[in-house]
Amino acid sequence: MDMTESFRREGDYEQSSPSQNPYPHTPVSAPVNPEWPPPPAHEPTVGVTGHAMPRKRTRGPVALLAAVALVAAAVGGGTAYAVQELSGSDTVASSTTTNVVPSSKKGDIAAIAEAVSPSIVEISATSNSGQSTGSGVIITSDGEIVTNNHVISGASSIKVTTSDGKEYTAEVVGTDSSKDLALIKLQNASGLKAASLGDSDAVQVGDTVVAIGSPEGLTGTVTSGIVSALDRDVTVSTGEGQQQQQPDGGWPFEFGGQEFNGDTGSSTTTYKAIQTDASLNPGNSGGALIDMNGNIIGINSAMYSSASSSADAGSVGLGFAIPIDTVKSDLAQLRAGQQN
């Protein structure tokens, strides 16, 4: 590999209730020697058609819980998230069984894009070093948004544009530079479409994925690919000065024992990332990596580029995303206002 090749931090600076399934009706001949007298009517028998008699219905709390579970499953991830919000829990429930798109449309990229795009936003953050453009994922209807810490680090003002073109002012709620995550909150927002957070632990190499974000300010850009690898160690700077030091969009980080795109400094942290060949470009940072059911499985955070400068950077099919399970485990601290 040419030593001029570099990893580059992408996206930073731009200067049902189940149906009954009975056994098939199978008529049988009347027995030659029928039992006489016939058995009492209350004893369980097998009818002449070959059907097993239905079991007595379970009543009480168990039946009620089962009914509630069926309703929740039918409604989907939005209801699951609402339940945890109302209960006061800060842990987002796994959505591994949620179908954001209809079952008949599973794997249909157009259907996934249509269903999930309203939950992805463009973020413009202004700081003393210039302006950064990135992406974010709406996780509540009133405007909580997850993004990368490096997208908003050091920002004096943050503007967010939703998929329908509406612009909001946002404030930072919490940050975690050790995981390159941040939680921001839109002001005076309501009725937004929250994304369904999936289960990154269930992701397998070779799974088809979709990425949605705002590369180079092109809001709502959709690309697709596969999961290329899991548990890739990506090392990034945790210092605000380091994060802001390259106004041309460079984002220094380390991979495979080598340092790319600048000096990461003395304060660094390493996280496990999902590797994908879905095309990622500057501006995709903080956007979504999505499975074929329409669930978010990762927050896109980095890309590899063979260019020596960010001005010439482009996707070569080596992108990295923070697993959504990492986000969910960190959400309580972010909501509590953690700033580090």
C-alpha atoms as a PDB file:
ATOM      1  CA  MET A   1       0.000   0.000   0.000  1.00  0.00           C
ATOM      2  CA  ASP A   2       1.281   3.470  -0.916  1.00  0.00           C
ATOM      3  CA  MET A   3       2.240   5.322   2.238  1.00  0.00           C
ATOM      4  CA  THR A   4       0.419   8.355   0.881  1.00  0.00           C
ATOM      5  CA  GLU A   5      -2.766   6.399   1.251  1.00  0.00           C
ATOM      6  CA  SER A   6      -4.661   7.466   4.273  1.00  0.00           C
ATOM      7  CA  PHE A   7      -7.594   6.653   6.368  1.00  0.00           C
ATOM      8  CA  ARG A   8      -9.789   9.664   6.525  1.00  0.00           C
ATOM      9  CA  ARG A   9     -12.418  10.609   8.924  1.00  0.00           C
ATOM     10  CA  GLU A  10     -15.530  10.911   6.762  1.00  0.00           C
ATOM     11  CA  GLY A  11     -18.209  13.500   7.129  1.00  0.00           C
ATOM     12  CA  ASP A  12     -16.523  16.094   9.176  1.00  0.00           C
ATOM     13  CA  TYR A  13     -15.638  19.445   7.698  1.00  0.00           C
ATOM     14  CA  GLU A  14     -16.705  20.914   4.434  1.00  0.00           C
ATOM     15  CA  GLN A  15     -15.423  24.521   4.681  1.00  0.00           C
ATOM     16  CA  SER A  16     -50.058  -9.851  14.849  1.00  0.00           C
ATOM     17  CA  SER A  17     -52.472 -12.128  16.206  1.00  0.00           C
ATOM     18  CA  PRO A  18     -51.401 -15.467  14.666  1.00  0.00           C
ATOM     19  CA  SER A  19     -53.938 -17.177  12.363  1.00  0.00           C
ATOM     20  CA  GLN A  20     -55.226 -20.621  13.333  1.00  0.00           C
ATOM     21  CA  ASN A  21     -53.510 -23.394  11.453  1.00  0.00           C
ATOM     22  CA  PRO A  22     -55.630 -26.545  12.027  1.00  0.00           C
ATOM     23  CA  TYR A  23     -54.658 -29.962  10.910  1.00  0.00           C
ATOM     24  CA  PRO A  24     -56.088 -30.826   7.473  1.00  0.00           C
ATOM     25  CA  HIS A  25     -59.495 -32.413   7.598  1.00  0.00           C
ATOM     26  CA  THR A  26     -58.907 -36.135   7.092  1.00  0.00           C
ATOM     27  CA  PRO A  27     -62.174 -38.132   7.227  1.00  0.00           C
ATOM     28  CA  VAL A  28     -61.789 -41.556   8.745  1.00  0.00           C
ATOM     29  CA  SER A  29     -64.065 -44.595   8.597  1.00  0.00           C
ATOM     30  CA  ALA A  30     -66.331 -45.330  11.536  1.00  0.00           C
ATOM     31  CA  PRO A  31     -64.729 -47.933  13.806  1.00  0.00           C
ATOM     32  CA  VAL A  32     -65.840 -51.514  13.388  1.00  0.00           C
ATOM     33  CA  ASN A  33     -66.340 -52.002  17.114  1.00  0.00           C
ATOM     34  CA  PRO A  34     -67.349 -48.632  18.492  1.00  0.00           C
ATOM     35  CA  GLU A  35     -66.963 -48.209  22.217  1.00  0.00           C
ATOM     36  CA  TRP A  36     -70.225 -48.587  24.098  1.00  0.00           C
ATOM     37  CA  PRO A  37     -71.336 -46.865  26.029  1.00  0.00           C
ATOM     38  CA  PRO A  38     -69.618 -43.810  24.552  1.00  0.00           C
ATOM     39  CA  PRO A  39     -67.119 -41.956  26.795  1.00  0.00           C
ATOM     40  CA  PRO A  40     -68.433 -39.057  28.893  1.00  0.00           C
ATOM     41  CA  ALA A  41     -68.756 -35.793  26.947  1.00  0.00           C
ATOM     42  CA  HIS A  42     -66.346 -33.939  29.239  1.00  0.00           C
ATOM     43  CA  GLU A  43     -63.372 -36.178  28.461  1.00  0.00           C
ATOM     44  CA  PRO A  44     -60.998 -35.004  25.705  1.00  0.00           C
ATOM     45  CA  THR A  45     -61.417 -36.996  22.537  1.00  0.00           C
ATOM     46  CA  VAL A  46     -60.320 -36.934  18.954  1.00  0.00           C
ATOM     47  CA  GLY A  47     -63.090 -36.087  16.525  1.00  0.00           C
ATOM     48  CA  VAL A  48     -63.955 -38.226  13.555  1.00  0.00           C
ATOM     49  CA  THR A  49     -62.264 -35.755  11.240  1.00  0.00           C
ATOM     50  CA  GLY A  50     -58.896 -36.349  12.890  1.00  0.00           C
ATOM     51  CA  HIS A  51     -58.749 -32.932  14.657  1.00  0.00           C
ATOM     52  CA  ALA A  52     -57.260 -32.715  18.113  1.00  0.00           C
ATOM     53  CA  MET A  53     -59.786 -30.938  20.292  1.00  0.00           C
ATOM     54  CA  PRO A  54     -58.737 -27.380  21.134  1.00  0.00           C
ATOM     55  CA  ARG A  55     -57.096 -26.789  24.470  1.00  0.00           C
ATOM     56  CA  LYS A  56     -58.910 -24.895  27.151  1.00  0.00           C
ATOM     57  CA  ARG A  57     -58.102 -21.204  26.839  1.00  0.00           C
ATOM     58  CA  THR A  58     -55.715 -19.807  29.396  1.00  0.00           C
ATOM     59  CA  ARG A  59     -57.154 -16.900  31.257  1.00  0.00           C
ATOM     60  CA  GLY A  60     -55.734 -14.391  33.683  1.00  0.00           C
ATOM     61  CA  PRO A  61     -52.434 -12.452  33.618  1.00  0.00           C
ATOM     62  CA  VAL A  62     -50.601 -14.847  31.311  1.00  0.00           C
ATOM     63  CA  ALA A  63     -53.229 -14.530  28.601  1.00  0.00           C
ATOM     64  CA  LEU A  64     -53.306 -10.757  29.054  1.00  0.00           C
ATOM     65  CA  LEU A  65     -49.527 -10.471  28.725  1.00  0.00           C
ATOM     66  CA  ALA A  66     -49.594 -12.610  25.606  1.00  0.00           C
ATOM     67  CA  ALA A  67     -52.224 -10.351  24.062  1.00  0.00           C
ATOM     68  CA  VAL A  68     -50.199  -7.247  24.909  1.00  0.00           C
ATOM     69  CA  ALA A  69     -47.091  -8.789  23.371  1.00  0.00           C
ATOM     70  CA  LEU A  70     -48.975  -9.547  20.169  1.00  0.00           C
ATOM     71  CA  VAL A  71     -50.269  -6.002  19.929  1.00  0.00           C
ATOM     72  CA  ALA A  72     -46.792  -4.558  20.520  1.00  0.00           C
ATOM     73  CA  ALA A  73     -45.333  -6.804  17.851  1.00  0.00           C
ATOM     74  CA  ALA A  74     -48.007  -5.806  15.381  1.00  0.00           C
ATOM     75  CA  VAL A  75     -47.556  -2.088  15.951  1.00  0.00           C
ATOM     76  CA  GLY A  76     -43.755  -2.219  15.735  1.00  0.00           C
ATOM     77  CA  GLY A  77     -40.737  -0.349  17.046  1.00  0.00           C
ATOM     78  CA  GLY A  78     -42.470   2.994  17.510  1.00  0.00           C
ATOM     79  CA  THR A  79     -44.713   1.550  20.208  1.00  0.00           C
ATOM     80  CA  ALA A  80     -41.831  -0.275  21.863  1.00  0.00           C
ATOM     81  CA  TYR A  81     -39.918   2.969  22.157  1.00  0.00           C
ATOM     82  CA  ALA A  82     -42.965   4.865  23.427  1.00  0.00           C
ATOM     83  CA  VAL A  83     -43.402   2.285  26.186  1.00  0.00           C
ATOM     84  CA  GLN A  84     -39.856   2.762  27.410  1.00  0.00           C
ATOM     85  CA  GLU A  85     -40.226   6.534  27.261  1.00  0.00           C
ATOM     86  CA  LEU A  86     -43.417   6.484  29.339  1.00  0.00           C
ATOM     87  CA  SER A  87     -41.924   4.071  31.837  1.00  0.00           C
ATOM     88  CA  GLY A  88     -39.001   6.414  32.388  1.00  0.00           C
ATOM     89  CA  SER A  89     -36.372   3.907  31.283  1.00  0.00           C
ATOM     90  CA  ASP A  90     -33.305   5.285  29.574  1.00  0.00           C
ATOM     91  CA  THR A  91     -32.531   2.009  27.837  1.00  0.00           C
ATOM     92  CA  VAL A  92     -33.770   1.658  24.297  1.00  0.00           C
ATOM     93  CA  ALA A  93     -35.281  -1.747  23.746  1.00  0.00           C
ATOM     94  CA  SER A  94     -33.803  -3.961  21.057  1.00  0.00           C
ATOM     95  CA  SER A  95     -35.830  -3.992  17.858  1.00  0.00           C
ATOM     96  CA  THR A  96     -34.531  -7.187  16.297  1.00  0.00           C
ATOM     97  CA  THR A  97     -38.045  -8.415  15.461  1.00  0.00           C
ATOM     98  CA  THR A  98     -39.318  -5.079  14.196  1.00  0.00           C
ATOM     99  CA  ASN A  99     -40.126  -4.796  10.523  1.00  0.00           C
ATOM    100  CA  VAL A 100     -39.979  -1.110   9.677  1.00  0.00           C
ATOM    101  CA  VAL A 101     -40.842  -2.069   6.117  1.00  0.00           C
ATOM    102  CA  PRO A 102     -43.614  -4.560   5.302  1.00  0.00           C
ATOM    103  CA  SER A 103     -42.521  -8.199   5.288  1.00  0.00           C
ATOM    104  CA  SER A 104     -43.222  -8.356   1.570  1.00  0.00           C
ATOM    105  CA  LYS A 105     -40.741  -5.499   1.072  1.00  0.00           C
ATOM    106  CA  LYS A 106     -37.918  -6.868   3.239  1.00  0.00           C
ATOM    107  CA  GLY A 107     -34.648  -6.269   1.443  1.00  0.00           C
ATOM    108  CA  ASP A 108     -36.190  -3.764  -0.951  1.00  0.00           C
ATOM    109  CA  ILE A 109     -33.771  -0.847  -0.823  1.00  0.00           C
ATOM    110  CA  ALA A 110     -36.304   1.606  -2.211  1.00  0.00           C
ATOM    111  CA  ALA A 111     -38.789   0.651   0.531  1.00  0.00           C
ATOM    112  CA  ILE A 112     -36.102   0.917   3.211  1.00  0.00           C
ATOM    113  CA  ALA A 113     -35.027   4.330   1.958  1.00  0.00           C
ATOM    114  CA  GLU A 114     -38.613   5.578   1.944  1.00  0.00           C
ATOM    115  CA  ALA A 115     -39.273   4.301   5.454  1.00  0.00           C
ATOM    116  CA  VAL A 116     -36.054   5.424   7.144  1.00  0.00           C
ATOM    117  CA  SER A 117     -35.062   8.645   5.349  1.00  0.00           C
ATOM    118  CA  PRO A 118     -37.473  10.791   7.437  1.00  0.00           C
ATOM    119  CA  SER A 119     -35.463   9.757  10.517  1.00  0.00           C
ATOM    120  CA  ILE A 120     -32.127  10.974   9.133  1.00  0.00           C
ATOM    121  CA  VAL A 121     -31.066  14.635   9.347  1.00  0.00           C
ATOM    122  CA  GLU A 122     -28.293  16.905   8.134  1.00  0.00           C
ATOM    123  CA  ILE A 123     -26.254  18.694  10.805  1.00  0.00           C
ATOM    124  CA  SER A 124     -24.329  21.945  10.287  1.00  0.00           C
ATOM    125  CA  ALA A 125     -22.101  22.885  13.206  1.00  0.00           C
ATOM    126  CA  THR A 126     -20.236  26.179  13.391  1.00  0.00           C
ATOM    127  CA  SER A 127     -17.085  26.569  15.495  1.00  0.00           C
ATOM    128  CA  ASN A 128     -14.009  28.783  15.648  1.00  0.00           C
ATOM    129  CA  SER A 129     -12.361  26.416  13.173  1.00  0.00           C
ATOM    130  CA  GLY A 130     -15.090  26.716  10.563  1.00  0.00           C
ATOM    131  CA  GLN A 131     -18.174  24.725   9.722  1.00  0.00           C
ATOM    132  CA  SER A 132     -18.669  20.988   9.804  1.00  0.00           C
ATOM    133  CA  THR A 133     -21.369  19.119   7.926  1.00  0.00           C
ATOM    134  CA  GLY A 134     -22.528  15.747   9.111  1.00  0.00           C
ATOM    135  CA  SER A 135     -25.590  13.612   9.652  1.00  0.00           C
ATOM    136  CA  GLY A 136     -27.694  12.396  12.555  1.00  0.00           C
ATOM    137  CA  VAL A 137     -30.397   9.868  13.491  1.00  0.00           C
ATOM    138  CA  ILE A 138     -33.670  10.923  15.154  1.00  0.00           C
ATOM    139  CA  ILE A 139     -34.430   8.626  18.104  1.00  0.00           C
ATOM    140  CA  THR A 140     -37.462  10.402  19.658  1.00  0.00           C
ATOM    141  CA  SER A 141     -40.411  12.237  18.138  1.00  0.00           C
ATOM    142  CA  ASP A 142     -39.543  15.415  20.036  1.00  0.00           C
ATOM    143  CA  GLY A 143     -36.101  15.703  18.517  1.00  0.00           C
ATOM    144  CA  GLU A 144     -33.406  13.700  20.301  1.00  0.00           C
ATOM    145  CA  ILE A 145     -30.703  12.977  17.727  1.00  0.00           C
ATOM    146  CA  VAL A 146     -27.645  10.729  17.889  1.00  0.00           C
ATOM    147  CA  THR A 147     -24.575  11.741  15.903  1.00  0.00           C
ATOM    148  CA  ASN A 148     -20.778  11.554  16.082  1.00  0.00           C
ATOM    149  CA  ASN A 149     -19.004  13.639  18.686  1.00  0.00           C
ATOM    150  CA  HIS A 150     -16.532  14.847  16.079  1.00  0.00           C
ATOM    151  CA  VAL A 151     -19.384  16.373  14.038  1.00  0.00           C
ATOM    152  CA  ILE A 152     -20.437  18.797  16.794  1.00  0.00           C
ATOM    153  CA  SER A 153     -17.348  19.023  19.028  1.00  0.00           C
ATOM    154  CA  GLY A 154     -16.522  22.623  19.931  1.00  0.00           C
ATOM    155  CA  ALA A 155     -19.529  23.987  18.059  1.00  0.00           C
ATOM    156  CA  SER A 156     -20.877  27.388  19.037  1.00  0.00           C
ATOM    157  CA  SER A 157     -24.099  26.809  17.100  1.00  0.00           C
ATOM    158  CA  ILE A 158     -25.816  23.783  15.570  1.00  0.00           C
ATOM    159  CA  LYS A 159     -28.443  23.819  12.822  1.00  0.00           C
ATOM    160  CA  VAL A 160     -30.346  20.698  11.808  1.00  0.00           C
ATOM    161  CA  THR A 161     -32.326  20.157   8.610  1.00  0.00           C
ATOM    162  CA  THR A 162     -34.871  17.343   8.435  1.00  0.00           C
ATOM    163  CA  SER A 163     -35.761  15.369   5.318  1.00  0.00           C
ATOM    164  CA  ASP A 164     -38.756  17.620   4.608  1.00  0.00           C
ATOM    165  CA  GLY A 165     -36.544  20.726   4.553  1.00  0.00           C
ATOM    166  CA  LYS A 166     -37.441  22.139   7.968  1.00  0.00           C
ATOM    167  CA  GLU A 167     -34.589  23.757   9.868  1.00  0.00           C
ATOM    168  CA  TYR A 168     -34.153  23.638  13.647  1.00  0.00           C
ATOM    169  CA  THR A 169     -31.682  24.938  16.187  1.00  0.00           C
ATOM    170  CA  ALA A 170     -30.160  22.207  18.329  1.00  0.00           C
ATOM    171  CA  GLU A 171     -28.373  22.081  21.659  1.00  0.00           C
ATOM    172  CA  VAL A 172     -25.864  19.521  22.881  1.00  0.00           C
ATOM    173  CA  VAL A 173     -27.301  17.261  25.597  1.00  0.00           C
ATOM    174  CA  GLY A 174     -24.341  14.951  26.177  1.00  0.00           C
ATOM    175  CA  THR A 175     -21.115  13.823  24.571  1.00  0.00           C
ATOM    176  CA  ASP A 176     -18.833  10.802  24.855  1.00  0.00           C
ATOM    177  CA  SER A 177     -15.574  11.314  23.020  1.00  0.00           C
ATOM    178  CA  SER A 178     -14.397   7.854  24.093  1.00  0.00           C
ATOM    179  CA  LYS A 179     -17.033   6.360  21.787  1.00  0.00           C
ATOM    180  CA  ASP A 180     -17.223   9.302  19.357  1.00  0.00           C
ATOM    181  CA  LEU A 181     -20.906   9.750  20.193  1.00  0.00           C
ATOM    182  CA  ALA A 182     -23.070  12.766  20.961  1.00  0.00           C
ATOM    183  CA  LEU A 183     -26.724  13.406  21.744  1.00  0.00           C
ATOM    184  CA  ILE A 184     -28.296  16.669  20.622  1.00  0.00           C
ATOM    185  CA  LYS A 185     -31.862  17.945  21.045  1.00  0.00           C
ATOM    186  CA  LEU A 186     -33.893  20.061  18.626  1.00  0.00           C
ATOM    187  CA  GLN A 187     -35.685  23.094  19.995  1.00  0.00           C
ATOM    188  CA  ASN A 188     -39.478  23.260  19.618  1.00  0.00           C
ATOM    189  CA  ALA A 189     -39.739  20.015  17.672  1.00  0.00           C
ATOM    190  CA  SER A 190     -42.583  17.505  17.734  1.00  0.00           C
ATOM    191  CA  GLY A 191     -44.117  14.828  15.554  1.00  0.00           C
ATOM    192  CA  LEU A 192     -40.802  13.681  14.106  1.00  0.00           C
ATOM    193  CA  LYS A 193     -40.329  10.109  12.919  1.00  0.00           C
ATOM    194  CA  ALA A 194     -38.022   8.221  15.265  1.00  0.00           C
ATOM    195  CA  ALA A 195     -35.791   5.510  13.859  1.00  0.00           C
ATOM    196  CA  SER A 196     -36.041   1.917  15.036  1.00  0.00           C
ATOM    197  CA  LEU A 197     -32.822   0.868  16.763  1.00  0.00           C
ATOM    198  CA  GLY A 198     -31.861  -2.701  15.954  1.00  0.00           C
ATOM    199  CA  ASP A 199     -29.403  -5.223  17.376  1.00  0.00           C
ATOM    200  CA  SER A 200     -25.848  -4.962  16.084  1.00  0.00           C
ATOM    201  CA  ASP A 201     -24.892  -8.120  17.966  1.00  0.00           C
ATOM    202  CA  ALA A 202     -27.055 -10.064  15.497  1.00  0.00           C
ATOM    203  CA  VAL A 203     -25.244  -8.634  12.459  1.00  0.00           C
ATOM    204  CA  GLN A 204     -23.233 -11.087  10.375  1.00  0.00           C
ATOM    205  CA  VAL A 205     -20.514 -10.638   7.789  1.00  0.00           C
ATOM    206  CA  GLY A 206     -22.155 -10.620   4.380  1.00  0.00           C
ATOM    207  CA  ASP A 207     -25.432  -9.046   5.538  1.00  0.00           C
ATOM    208  CA  THR A 208     -26.799  -6.477   3.094  1.00  0.00           C
ATOM    209  CA  VAL A 209     -26.939  -2.964   4.515  1.00  0.00           C
ATOM    210  CA  VAL A 210     -28.072   0.521   3.486  1.00  0.00           C
ATOM    211  CA  ALA A 211     -26.404   3.805   4.448  1.00  0.00           C
ATOM    212  CA  ILE A 212     -28.266   7.121   4.569  1.00  0.00           C
ATOM    213  CA  GLY A 213     -26.672  10.496   5.237  1.00  0.00           C
ATOM    214  CA  SER A 214     -25.654  13.851   3.787  1.00  0.00           C
ATOM    215  CA  PRO A 215     -22.314  13.393   2.013  1.00  0.00           C
ATOM    216  CA  GLU A 216     -20.955  16.720   0.779  1.00  0.00           C
ATOM    217  CA  GLY A 217     -24.230  18.330   1.876  1.00  0.00           C
ATOM    218  CA  LEU A 218     -26.348  16.134  -0.435  1.00  0.00           C
ATOM    219  CA  THR A 219     -29.135  15.482   2.049  1.00  0.00           C
ATOM    220  CA  GLY A 220     -30.779  12.064   2.096  1.00  0.00           C
ATOM    221  CA  THR A 221     -28.227  10.264  -0.037  1.00  0.00           C
ATOM    222  CA  VAL A 222     -28.779   6.481  -0.040  1.00  0.00           C
ATOM    223  CA  THR A 223     -26.093   3.882  -0.761  1.00  0.00           C
ATOM    224  CA  SER A 224     -25.969   0.127  -0.205  1.00  0.00           C
ATOM    225  CA  GLY A 225     -23.464  -2.657   0.296  1.00  0.00           C
ATOM    226  CA  ILE A 226     -22.681  -5.472   2.704  1.00  0.00           C
ATOM    227  CA  VAL A 227     -21.104  -5.917   6.110  1.00  0.00           C
ATOM    228  CA  SER A 228     -17.475  -6.592   5.257  1.00  0.00           C
ATOM    229  CA  ALA A 229     -16.140  -7.351   8.743  1.00  0.00           C
ATOM    230  CA  LEU A 230     -16.960  -6.992  12.430  1.00  0.00           C
ATOM    231  CA  ASP A 231     -15.076  -5.808  15.499  1.00  0.00           C
ATOM    232  CA  ARG A 232     -12.569  -3.623  13.688  1.00  0.00           C
ATOM    233  CA  ASP A 233     -10.460  -1.588  16.130  1.00  0.00           C
ATOM    234  CA  VAL A 234     -10.598   2.097  15.199  1.00  0.00           C
ATOM    235  CA  THR A 235      -8.619   4.552  17.350  1.00  0.00           C
ATOM    236  CA  VAL A 236      -9.605   8.218  17.474  1.00  0.00           C
ATOM    237  CA  SER A 237      -8.567  11.346  19.318  1.00  0.00           C
ATOM    238  CA  THR A 238     -10.549  12.361  22.398  1.00  0.00           C
ATOM    239  CA  GLY A 239      -9.159  15.909  22.555  1.00  0.00           C
ATOM    240  CA  GLU A 240     -11.306  18.749  21.283  1.00  0.00           C
ATOM    241  CA  GLY A 241      -8.255  20.549  19.913  1.00  0.00           C
ATOM    242  CA  GLN A 242      -7.328  17.512  17.865  1.00  0.00           C
ATOM    243  CA  GLN A 243     -10.858  17.189  16.559  1.00  0.00           C
ATOM    244  CA  GLN A 244     -10.873  20.764  15.344  1.00  0.00           C
ATOM    245  CA  GLN A 245      -7.308  21.030  14.090  1.00  0.00           C
ATOM    246  CA  GLN A 246      -7.880  20.291  10.412  1.00  0.00           C
ATOM    247  CA  PRO A 247     -10.365  22.694   8.802  1.00  0.00           C
ATOM    248  CA  ASP A 248     -10.015  20.969   5.439  1.00  0.00           C
ATOM    249  CA  GLY A 249     -12.044  18.089   6.804  1.00  0.00           C
ATOM    250  CA  GLY A 250      -9.269  15.741   7.861  1.00  0.00           C
ATOM    251  CA  TRP A 251     -10.088  13.537  10.821  1.00  0.00           C
ATOM    252  CA  PRO A 252      -7.030  11.768  12.263  1.00  0.00           C
ATOM    253  CA  PHE A 253      -7.441   8.208  13.457  1.00  0.00           C
ATOM    254  CA  GLU A 254      -5.506   4.961  13.670  1.00  0.00           C
ATOM    255  CA  PHE A 255      -6.159   1.541  12.264  1.00  0.00           C
ATOM    256  CA  GLY A 256      -4.048  -1.598  12.137  1.00  0.00           C
ATOM    257  CA  GLY A 257      -1.223   0.002  14.090  1.00  0.00           C
ATOM    258  CA  GLN A 258      -0.813   2.879  11.643  1.00  0.00           C
ATOM    259  CA  GLU A 259      -1.800   6.521  12.007  1.00  0.00           C
ATOM    260  CA  PHE A 260      -3.759   8.126   9.200  1.00  0.00           C
ATOM    261  CA  ASN A 261      -4.806  11.595   8.196  1.00  0.00           C
ATOM    262  CA  GLY A 262      -2.794  13.451  10.793  1.00  0.00           C
ATOM    263  CA  ASP A 263      -1.608  13.130  14.364  1.00  0.00           C
ATOM    264  CA  THR A 264      -4.192  11.681  16.728  1.00  0.00           C
ATOM    265  CA  GLY A 265      -2.366  13.242  19.674  1.00  0.00           C
ATOM    266  CA  SER A 266      -1.661  11.748  23.071  1.00  0.00           C
ATOM    267  CA  SER A 267      -5.289  11.322  24.145  1.00  0.00           C
ATOM    268  CA  THR A 268      -6.989   8.567  22.179  1.00  0.00           C
ATOM    269  CA  THR A 269      -9.634   5.903  22.548  1.00  0.00           C
ATOM    270  CA  THR A 270     -10.400   2.735  20.595  1.00  0.00           C
ATOM    271  CA  TYR A 271     -13.828   1.373  19.729  1.00  0.00           C
ATOM    272  CA  LYS A 272     -15.047  -1.702  17.881  1.00  0.00           C
ATOM    273  CA  ALA A 273     -16.555  -0.854  14.497  1.00  0.00           C
ATOM    274  CA  ILE A 274     -18.623  -2.536  11.815  1.00  0.00           C
ATOM    275  CA  GLN A 275     -16.839  -2.443   8.465  1.00  0.00           C
ATOM    276  CA  THR A 276     -18.947  -1.975   5.331  1.00  0.00           C
ATOM    277  CA  ASP A 277     -18.411  -1.477   1.620  1.00  0.00           C
ATOM    278  CA  ALA A 278     -21.495   0.753   1.356  1.00  0.00           C
ATOM    279  CA  SER A 279     -20.233   3.999  -0.127  1.00  0.00           C
ATOM    280  CA  LEU A 280     -19.477   6.603   2.563  1.00  0.00           C
ATOM    281  CA  ASN A 281     -18.163  10.083   1.843  1.00  0.00           C
ATOM    282  CA  PRO A 282     -17.506  13.309   3.768  1.00  0.00           C
ATOM    283  CA  GLY A 283     -20.795  14.259   5.410  1.00  0.00           C
ATOM    284  CA  ASN A 284     -21.949  10.696   6.161  1.00  0.00           C
ATOM    285  CA  SER A 285     -20.577  10.949   9.710  1.00  0.00           C
ATOM    286  CA  GLY A 286     -23.354  10.429  12.236  1.00  0.00           C
ATOM    287  CA  GLY A 287     -25.711   8.942   9.651  1.00  0.00           C
ATOM    288  CA  ALA A 288     -27.319   5.524   9.688  1.00  0.00           C
ATOM    289  CA  LEU A 289     -26.246   2.037   8.700  1.00  0.00           C
ATOM    290  CA  ILE A 290     -29.465   0.046   8.266  1.00  0.00           C
ATOM    291  CA  ASP A 291     -30.416  -3.629   8.009  1.00  0.00           C
ATOM    292  CA  MET A 292     -32.901  -5.157   5.575  1.00  0.00           C
ATOM    293  CA  ASN A 293     -35.808  -4.760   8.009  1.00  0.00           C
ATOM    294  CA  GLY A 294     -35.182  -1.024   8.251  1.00  0.00           C
ATOM    295  CA  ASN A 295     -33.569  -1.076  11.708  1.00  0.00           C
ATOM    296  CA  ILE A 296     -30.527   1.064  12.537  1.00  0.00           C
ATOM    297  CA  ILE A 297     -27.552  -1.195  13.275  1.00  0.00           C
ATOM    298  CA  GLY A 298     -24.762   1.377  13.260  1.00  0.00           C
ATOM    299  CA  ILE A 299     -23.787   5.057  13.224  1.00  0.00           C
ATOM    300  CA  ASN A 300     -21.447   5.739  10.310  1.00  0.00           C
ATOM    301  CA  SER A 301     -18.250   7.303  11.569  1.00  0.00           C
ATOM    302  CA  ALA A 302     -15.208   6.849   9.328  1.00  0.00           C
ATOM    303  CA  MET A 303     -14.027   6.010   5.853  1.00  0.00           C
ATOM    304  CA  TYR A 304     -10.801   5.028   4.168  1.00  0.00           C
ATOM    305  CA  SER A 305      -9.493   7.170   1.344  1.00  0.00           C
ATOM    306  CA  SER A 306      -6.442   6.720  -0.838  1.00  0.00           C
ATOM    307  CA  ALA A 307      -6.232  10.500  -1.350  1.00  0.00           C
ATOM    308  CA  SER A 308      -3.540  12.501   0.407  1.00  0.00           C
ATOM    309  CA  SER A 309      -5.924  15.380   1.135  1.00  0.00           C
ATOM    310  CA  SER A 310      -9.582  15.607   1.965  1.00  0.00           C
ATOM    311  CA  ALA A 311     -10.213  17.738  -1.113  1.00  0.00           C
ATOM    312  CA  ASP A 312      -9.572  14.650  -3.233  1.00  0.00           C
ATOM    313  CA  ALA A 313     -11.188  12.185  -0.867  1.00  0.00           C
ATOM    314  CA  GLY A 314     -13.760   9.709  -2.062  1.00  0.00           C
ATOM    315  CA  SER A 315     -15.212   6.386  -1.081  1.00  0.00           C
ATOM    316  CA  VAL A 316     -13.276   3.264  -1.969  1.00  0.00           C
ATOM    317  CA  GLY A 317     -15.651   0.878  -0.217  1.00  0.00           C
ATOM    318  CA  LEU A 318     -14.016   0.796   3.209  1.00  0.00           C
ATOM    319  CA  GLY A 319     -16.301   2.445   5.736  1.00  0.00           C
ATOM    320  CA  PHE A 320     -16.770   2.023   9.473  1.00  0.00           C
ATOM    321  CA  ALA A 321     -19.786   2.388  11.762  1.00  0.00           C
ATOM    322  CA  ILE A 322     -20.214   2.432  15.532  1.00  0.00           C
ATOM    323  CA  PRO A 323     -22.460  -0.542  16.483  1.00  0.00           C
ATOM    324  CA  ILE A 324     -25.932   0.532  17.616  1.00  0.00           C
ATOM    325  CA  ASP A 325     -25.609  -1.617  20.748  1.00  0.00           C
ATOM    326  CA  THR A 326     -22.781   0.708  21.801  1.00  0.00           C
ATOM    327  CA  VAL A 327     -25.111   3.667  21.310  1.00  0.00           C
ATOM    328  CA  LYS A 328     -27.921   2.074  23.332  1.00  0.00           C
ATOM    329  CA  SER A 329     -25.590   1.230  26.224  1.00  0.00           C
ATOM    330  CA  ASP A 330     -24.354   4.836  26.294  1.00  0.00           C
ATOM    331  CA  LEU A 331     -27.709   6.567  25.921  1.00  0.00           C
ATOM    332  CA  ALA A 332     -28.549   6.929  29.614  1.00  0.00           C
ATOM    333  CA  GLN A 333     -25.283   8.736  30.298  1.00  0.00           C
ATOM    334  CA  LEU A 334     -25.719  10.989  27.292  1.00  0.00           C
ATOM    335  CA  ARG A 335     -29.260  11.904  28.356  1.00  0.00           C
ATOM    336  CA  ALA A 336     -27.985  12.674  31.841  1.00  0.00           C
ATOM    337  CA  GLY A 337     -25.771  15.375  30.356  1.00  0.00           C
ATOM    338  CA  GLN A 338     -22.431  13.592  30.329  1.00  0.00           C
ATOM    339  CA  GLN A 339     -19.796  15.813  28.727  1.00  0.00           C
ATOM    340  CA  ASN A 340     -16.456  14.164  28.039  1.00  0.00           C
END
